[in-house]
Each structure stands twice: as structure tokens, then as C-alpha cells.
N, C-alpha and C. Protein backbone atom coordinates (compact mmCIF):
# COMPACT_ATOMS: atom_id res chain seq x y z
N MET A 1 68.55 -0.10 37.67
CA MET A 1 68.03 -1.47 37.67
C MET A 1 66.99 -1.61 36.55
N ALA A 2 67.21 -2.54 35.69
CA ALA A 2 66.25 -2.77 34.59
C ALA A 2 65.00 -3.47 35.17
N LEU A 3 63.85 -2.98 34.74
CA LEU A 3 62.60 -3.54 35.23
C LEU A 3 62.38 -4.89 34.53
N ASN A 4 61.97 -5.84 35.32
CA ASN A 4 61.54 -7.12 34.71
C ASN A 4 60.10 -7.38 35.06
N ARG A 5 59.49 -8.27 34.38
CA ARG A 5 58.05 -8.58 34.57
C ARG A 5 57.72 -8.90 36.01
N GLU A 6 58.52 -9.75 36.66
CA GLU A 6 58.24 -10.13 38.02
C GLU A 6 58.27 -8.93 38.97
N PHE A 7 59.25 -8.02 38.81
CA PHE A 7 59.27 -6.80 39.64
C PHE A 7 58.04 -5.96 39.43
N ILE A 8 57.65 -5.80 38.17
CA ILE A 8 56.46 -5.02 37.86
C ILE A 8 55.21 -5.59 38.54
N ILE A 9 55.02 -6.88 38.40
CA ILE A 9 53.85 -7.54 38.96
C ILE A 9 53.86 -7.43 40.48
N GLN A 10 54.98 -7.67 41.09
CA GLN A 10 55.08 -7.53 42.56
C GLN A 10 54.79 -6.16 43.02
N THR A 11 55.31 -5.19 42.34
CA THR A 11 55.06 -3.76 42.69
C THR A 11 53.60 -3.41 42.53
N LEU A 12 53.06 -3.80 41.42
CA LEU A 12 51.61 -3.49 41.16
C LEU A 12 50.75 -4.15 42.27
N ALA A 13 51.01 -5.38 42.59
CA ALA A 13 50.22 -6.10 43.59
C ALA A 13 50.35 -5.44 44.96
N LYS A 14 51.54 -5.08 45.34
CA LYS A 14 51.78 -4.45 46.68
C LYS A 14 51.11 -3.10 46.76
N LYS A 15 51.31 -2.26 45.74
CA LYS A 15 50.73 -0.93 45.78
C LYS A 15 49.18 -0.94 45.65
N TYR A 16 48.65 -1.87 44.84
CA TYR A 16 47.23 -2.00 44.69
C TYR A 16 46.59 -2.44 45.99
N TYR A 17 47.22 -3.40 46.65
CA TYR A 17 46.74 -3.83 47.99
C TYR A 17 46.75 -2.67 48.97
N GLN A 18 47.83 -1.94 49.00
CA GLN A 18 47.98 -0.79 49.91
C GLN A 18 46.90 0.25 49.59
N PHE A 19 46.63 0.52 48.38
CA PHE A 19 45.62 1.48 47.92
C PHE A 19 44.22 1.04 48.33
N LEU A 20 43.88 -0.24 48.01
CA LEU A 20 42.50 -0.71 48.32
C LEU A 20 42.27 -0.82 49.83
N SER A 21 43.31 -1.19 50.56
CA SER A 21 43.18 -1.32 52.00
C SER A 21 42.92 0.02 52.72
N ALA A 22 43.34 1.09 52.08
CA ALA A 22 43.19 2.42 52.70
C ALA A 22 41.89 3.12 52.39
N LEU A 23 41.10 2.55 51.48
CA LEU A 23 39.86 3.23 51.06
C LEU A 23 38.74 3.08 52.10
N PRO A 24 38.03 4.16 52.38
CA PRO A 24 36.89 4.12 53.30
C PRO A 24 35.62 3.69 52.56
N TYR A 25 35.44 2.39 52.34
CA TYR A 25 34.34 1.91 51.55
C TYR A 25 32.94 2.33 52.05
N HIS A 26 32.84 2.59 53.38
CA HIS A 26 31.57 2.99 53.97
C HIS A 26 31.18 4.43 53.68
N ASP A 27 32.13 5.23 53.24
CA ASP A 27 31.90 6.61 52.93
C ASP A 27 31.51 6.75 51.45
N GLN A 28 30.19 6.84 51.20
CA GLN A 28 29.71 6.85 49.83
C GLN A 28 30.15 8.04 49.04
N LEU A 29 30.24 9.23 49.64
CA LEU A 29 30.68 10.42 48.93
C LEU A 29 32.14 10.30 48.52
N TYR A 30 32.93 9.82 49.45
CA TYR A 30 34.38 9.66 49.15
C TYR A 30 34.54 8.66 48.00
N MET A 31 33.83 7.53 48.09
CA MET A 31 33.95 6.50 47.07
C MET A 31 33.45 6.97 45.71
N LYS A 32 32.44 7.85 45.74
CA LYS A 32 31.96 8.43 44.49
C LYS A 32 33.03 9.33 43.89
N GLY A 33 33.69 10.12 44.73
CA GLY A 33 34.74 11.01 44.22
C GLY A 33 35.96 10.31 43.72
N ILE A 34 36.30 9.16 44.31
CA ILE A 34 37.51 8.44 43.92
C ILE A 34 37.25 7.45 42.81
N HIS A 35 36.03 7.26 42.41
CA HIS A 35 35.62 6.20 41.49
C HIS A 35 36.53 6.13 40.23
N GLU A 36 36.71 7.22 39.52
CA GLU A 36 37.53 7.18 38.30
C GLU A 36 38.97 6.88 38.61
N GLY A 37 39.50 7.47 39.66
CA GLY A 37 40.90 7.20 40.01
C GLY A 37 41.09 5.77 40.43
N LYS A 38 40.13 5.20 41.12
CA LYS A 38 40.17 3.78 41.53
C LYS A 38 40.23 2.90 40.30
N GLY A 39 39.49 3.23 39.31
CA GLY A 39 39.43 2.42 38.08
C GLY A 39 40.74 2.54 37.27
N LYS A 40 41.48 3.62 37.40
CA LYS A 40 42.66 3.82 36.58
C LYS A 40 43.98 3.56 37.35
N PHE A 41 43.87 3.23 38.63
CA PHE A 41 45.05 3.07 39.47
C PHE A 41 46.06 2.07 38.83
N LEU A 42 45.64 0.87 38.52
CA LEU A 42 46.56 -0.15 38.03
C LEU A 42 47.18 0.23 36.68
N ALA A 43 46.33 0.70 35.76
CA ALA A 43 46.84 1.06 34.44
C ALA A 43 47.86 2.20 34.56
N ASN A 44 47.57 3.23 35.35
CA ASN A 44 48.46 4.37 35.49
C ASN A 44 49.78 3.94 36.12
N LEU A 45 49.73 3.15 37.13
CA LEU A 45 50.97 2.71 37.82
C LEU A 45 51.78 1.79 36.87
N HIS A 46 51.12 0.94 36.13
CA HIS A 46 51.85 0.06 35.20
C HIS A 46 52.53 0.92 34.09
N ILE A 47 51.84 1.82 33.54
CA ILE A 47 52.42 2.73 32.51
C ILE A 47 53.64 3.43 33.06
N HIS A 48 53.48 3.97 34.31
CA HIS A 48 54.61 4.68 34.94
C HIS A 48 55.81 3.79 35.12
N LEU A 49 55.62 2.60 35.66
CA LEU A 49 56.72 1.70 35.95
C LEU A 49 57.48 1.30 34.66
N VAL A 50 56.69 1.06 33.59
CA VAL A 50 57.33 0.61 32.34
C VAL A 50 58.00 1.75 31.54
N THR A 51 57.46 2.97 31.64
CA THR A 51 57.99 4.04 30.79
C THR A 51 58.89 5.00 31.55
N LYS A 52 59.03 4.96 32.83
CA LYS A 52 59.74 5.99 33.57
C LYS A 52 61.23 6.07 33.24
N ASP A 53 61.83 5.01 32.81
CA ASP A 53 63.27 5.05 32.47
C ASP A 53 63.50 5.04 30.95
N LEU A 54 62.44 5.13 30.16
CA LEU A 54 62.61 5.22 28.71
C LEU A 54 63.05 6.60 28.31
N PRO A 55 63.70 6.73 27.15
CA PRO A 55 64.01 8.02 26.61
C PRO A 55 62.75 8.85 26.47
N LYS A 56 62.85 10.16 26.62
CA LYS A 56 61.70 11.07 26.59
C LYS A 56 60.82 10.83 25.38
N LYS A 57 61.38 10.60 24.24
CA LYS A 57 60.60 10.42 23.04
C LYS A 57 59.78 9.17 23.09
N TRP A 58 60.02 8.22 23.99
CA TRP A 58 59.27 6.98 24.14
C TRP A 58 58.39 7.01 25.40
N ASN A 59 58.29 8.13 26.08
CA ASN A 59 57.55 8.21 27.32
C ASN A 59 56.06 8.37 26.97
N ASP A 60 55.48 7.33 26.43
CA ASP A 60 54.08 7.29 26.03
C ASP A 60 53.56 5.93 26.37
N LYS A 61 52.28 5.85 26.78
CA LYS A 61 51.72 4.56 27.22
C LYS A 61 51.74 3.50 26.13
N ARG A 62 51.79 3.94 24.87
CA ARG A 62 51.79 2.94 23.79
C ARG A 62 53.17 2.21 23.70
N TYR A 63 54.17 2.73 24.38
CA TYR A 63 55.45 2.03 24.50
C TYR A 63 55.45 1.06 25.69
N SER A 64 54.38 1.00 26.47
CA SER A 64 54.36 0.20 27.70
C SER A 64 53.67 -1.11 27.52
N THR A 65 53.16 -1.40 26.36
CA THR A 65 52.38 -2.65 26.15
C THR A 65 53.36 -3.81 25.88
N ASP A 66 52.86 -4.99 26.17
CA ASP A 66 53.64 -6.21 25.95
C ASP A 66 53.46 -6.77 24.55
N PHE A 67 52.32 -6.52 23.95
CA PHE A 67 51.99 -7.08 22.64
C PHE A 67 51.54 -6.02 21.65
N VAL A 68 52.12 -6.08 20.47
CA VAL A 68 51.71 -5.16 19.42
C VAL A 68 51.61 -5.95 18.08
N THR A 69 50.83 -5.44 17.19
CA THR A 69 50.76 -6.05 15.89
C THR A 69 52.01 -5.73 15.12
N PRO A 70 52.34 -6.51 14.09
CA PRO A 70 53.56 -6.18 13.29
C PRO A 70 53.50 -4.78 12.69
N ALA A 71 52.33 -4.32 12.28
CA ALA A 71 52.21 -3.01 11.72
C ALA A 71 52.46 -1.94 12.77
N ALA A 72 51.93 -2.15 13.98
CA ALA A 72 52.13 -1.20 15.06
C ALA A 72 53.58 -1.14 15.46
N LEU A 73 54.28 -2.31 15.45
CA LEU A 73 55.68 -2.37 15.82
C LEU A 73 56.51 -1.48 14.86
N GLU A 74 56.20 -1.51 13.58
CA GLU A 74 56.90 -0.71 12.61
C GLU A 74 56.72 0.79 12.90
N ILE A 75 55.53 1.18 13.29
CA ILE A 75 55.26 2.58 13.64
C ILE A 75 56.08 2.99 14.87
N LEU A 76 56.09 2.10 15.90
CA LEU A 76 56.81 2.39 17.09
C LEU A 76 58.32 2.46 16.86
N LYS A 77 58.84 1.59 15.99
CA LYS A 77 60.27 1.62 15.66
C LYS A 77 60.65 2.92 15.01
N ASN A 78 59.69 3.60 14.37
CA ASN A 78 59.99 4.86 13.73
C ASN A 78 59.73 6.06 14.68
N ASN A 79 59.70 5.77 16.03
CA ASN A 79 59.52 6.79 17.07
C ASN A 79 58.24 7.58 16.89
N SER A 80 57.19 6.83 16.53
CA SER A 80 55.90 7.46 16.36
C SER A 80 54.84 6.62 17.08
N VAL A 81 53.73 7.29 17.42
CA VAL A 81 52.58 6.59 17.95
C VAL A 81 51.30 6.96 17.23
N ASN A 82 51.49 7.69 16.09
CA ASN A 82 50.35 8.14 15.31
C ASN A 82 49.46 6.99 14.86
N GLY A 83 48.20 7.09 15.15
CA GLY A 83 47.24 6.11 14.72
C GLY A 83 47.16 4.87 15.60
N LEU A 84 47.97 4.76 16.63
CA LEU A 84 47.99 3.64 17.49
C LEU A 84 47.02 3.81 18.69
N GLU A 85 46.38 2.74 19.11
CA GLU A 85 45.51 2.71 20.27
C GLU A 85 46.12 1.85 21.34
N TYR A 86 45.92 2.26 22.58
CA TYR A 86 46.34 1.48 23.74
C TYR A 86 45.17 0.71 24.29
N GLU A 87 45.20 -0.59 24.30
CA GLU A 87 44.13 -1.41 24.80
C GLU A 87 44.62 -2.38 25.86
N HIS A 88 43.77 -2.65 26.83
CA HIS A 88 44.08 -3.66 27.88
C HIS A 88 43.90 -5.04 27.24
N LEU A 89 44.82 -5.95 27.56
CA LEU A 89 44.74 -7.28 27.00
C LEU A 89 43.64 -8.13 27.62
N ILE A 90 43.31 -7.84 28.88
CA ILE A 90 42.24 -8.59 29.55
C ILE A 90 41.27 -7.51 30.13
N PRO A 91 40.04 -7.90 30.30
CA PRO A 91 39.07 -6.93 30.94
C PRO A 91 39.46 -6.73 32.43
N LYS A 92 40.27 -5.78 32.70
CA LYS A 92 40.83 -5.60 34.04
C LYS A 92 39.78 -5.40 35.11
N LYS A 93 38.70 -4.71 34.75
CA LYS A 93 37.64 -4.52 35.75
C LYS A 93 37.03 -5.83 36.25
N LYS A 94 36.67 -6.65 35.30
CA LYS A 94 35.97 -7.90 35.63
C LYS A 94 36.93 -8.92 36.32
N TYR A 95 38.14 -9.03 35.83
CA TYR A 95 39.02 -10.11 36.30
C TYR A 95 40.05 -9.69 37.37
N ILE A 96 40.19 -8.38 37.56
CA ILE A 96 41.16 -7.93 38.60
C ILE A 96 40.49 -7.02 39.59
N GLN A 97 40.00 -5.85 39.14
CA GLN A 97 39.46 -4.82 40.03
C GLN A 97 38.31 -5.31 40.88
N ASP A 98 37.30 -5.87 40.25
CA ASP A 98 36.09 -6.27 40.99
C ASP A 98 36.45 -7.31 42.04
N ILE A 99 37.26 -8.29 41.68
CA ILE A 99 37.65 -9.36 42.62
C ILE A 99 38.47 -8.75 43.80
N CYS A 100 39.45 -7.96 43.49
CA CYS A 100 40.31 -7.40 44.53
C CYS A 100 39.52 -6.43 45.44
N GLU A 101 38.62 -5.65 44.88
CA GLU A 101 37.82 -4.75 45.68
C GLU A 101 36.87 -5.52 46.60
N GLN A 102 36.27 -6.55 46.11
CA GLN A 102 35.38 -7.40 46.95
C GLN A 102 36.14 -7.96 48.15
N LYS A 103 37.33 -8.42 47.89
CA LYS A 103 38.19 -8.96 48.97
C LYS A 103 38.57 -7.84 49.97
N ALA A 104 38.92 -6.65 49.46
CA ALA A 104 39.30 -5.54 50.32
C ALA A 104 38.15 -5.11 51.19
N ILE A 105 36.92 -5.06 50.66
CA ILE A 105 35.77 -4.68 51.44
C ILE A 105 35.49 -5.71 52.52
N ALA A 106 35.65 -7.00 52.17
CA ALA A 106 35.41 -8.09 53.16
C ALA A 106 36.49 -8.08 54.22
């Protein structure tokens, strides 16, 4: 099954809800330990969903982005990622993570 944007968004939303709902927010030590993983959950899952069925030579997060510059596209077309950076298009912490976590805590 080819992945489409709607499937990816629905999967991310469902799994992120499941993840946040299971966290013991009252346990400060646990939350301290999971802090970095909590921050990377969405990005890691998105990268996995987008790249899991790509050929091995393209199994890199820089092939998972929706937007690239023309110069970066030429590099990717040549099966390379040299010199390319992976950046989030929106500040995910401010506009997604913080809001979702506040709702999960409540």
C-alpha cells in the first residue's frame, strides 16, 4: 500500500495520542528520563513511515521531507545527501507538542 499524506497524518495523530495518554505525568523522574524521547516521538515516527518502503539507498530522513530547495533536489536525485540538512517546517514543540501535552495532562 502506497503511503499517502492522509494516512500518515492519521497514523501520527493516533500513535501520538496513544503515547501521550500512557505517560505518567505525575512521576517527575520518569518524565525526566523520557524527556528527549518525548520530544522526538513525532519526528521519528514520521521519518519511519515515509522511508520504510523506500529503497535502502534512500532510507535517510532527508528523503522524508515534503519540501526541498531546487539545489537540494538535484543532490537527492543523484542518490546523495551530502551537505543537506533536515529541518522541521514548523516549530513542532510550540505548535504541536506543547499543546497536545497540555491536553493530555488535563
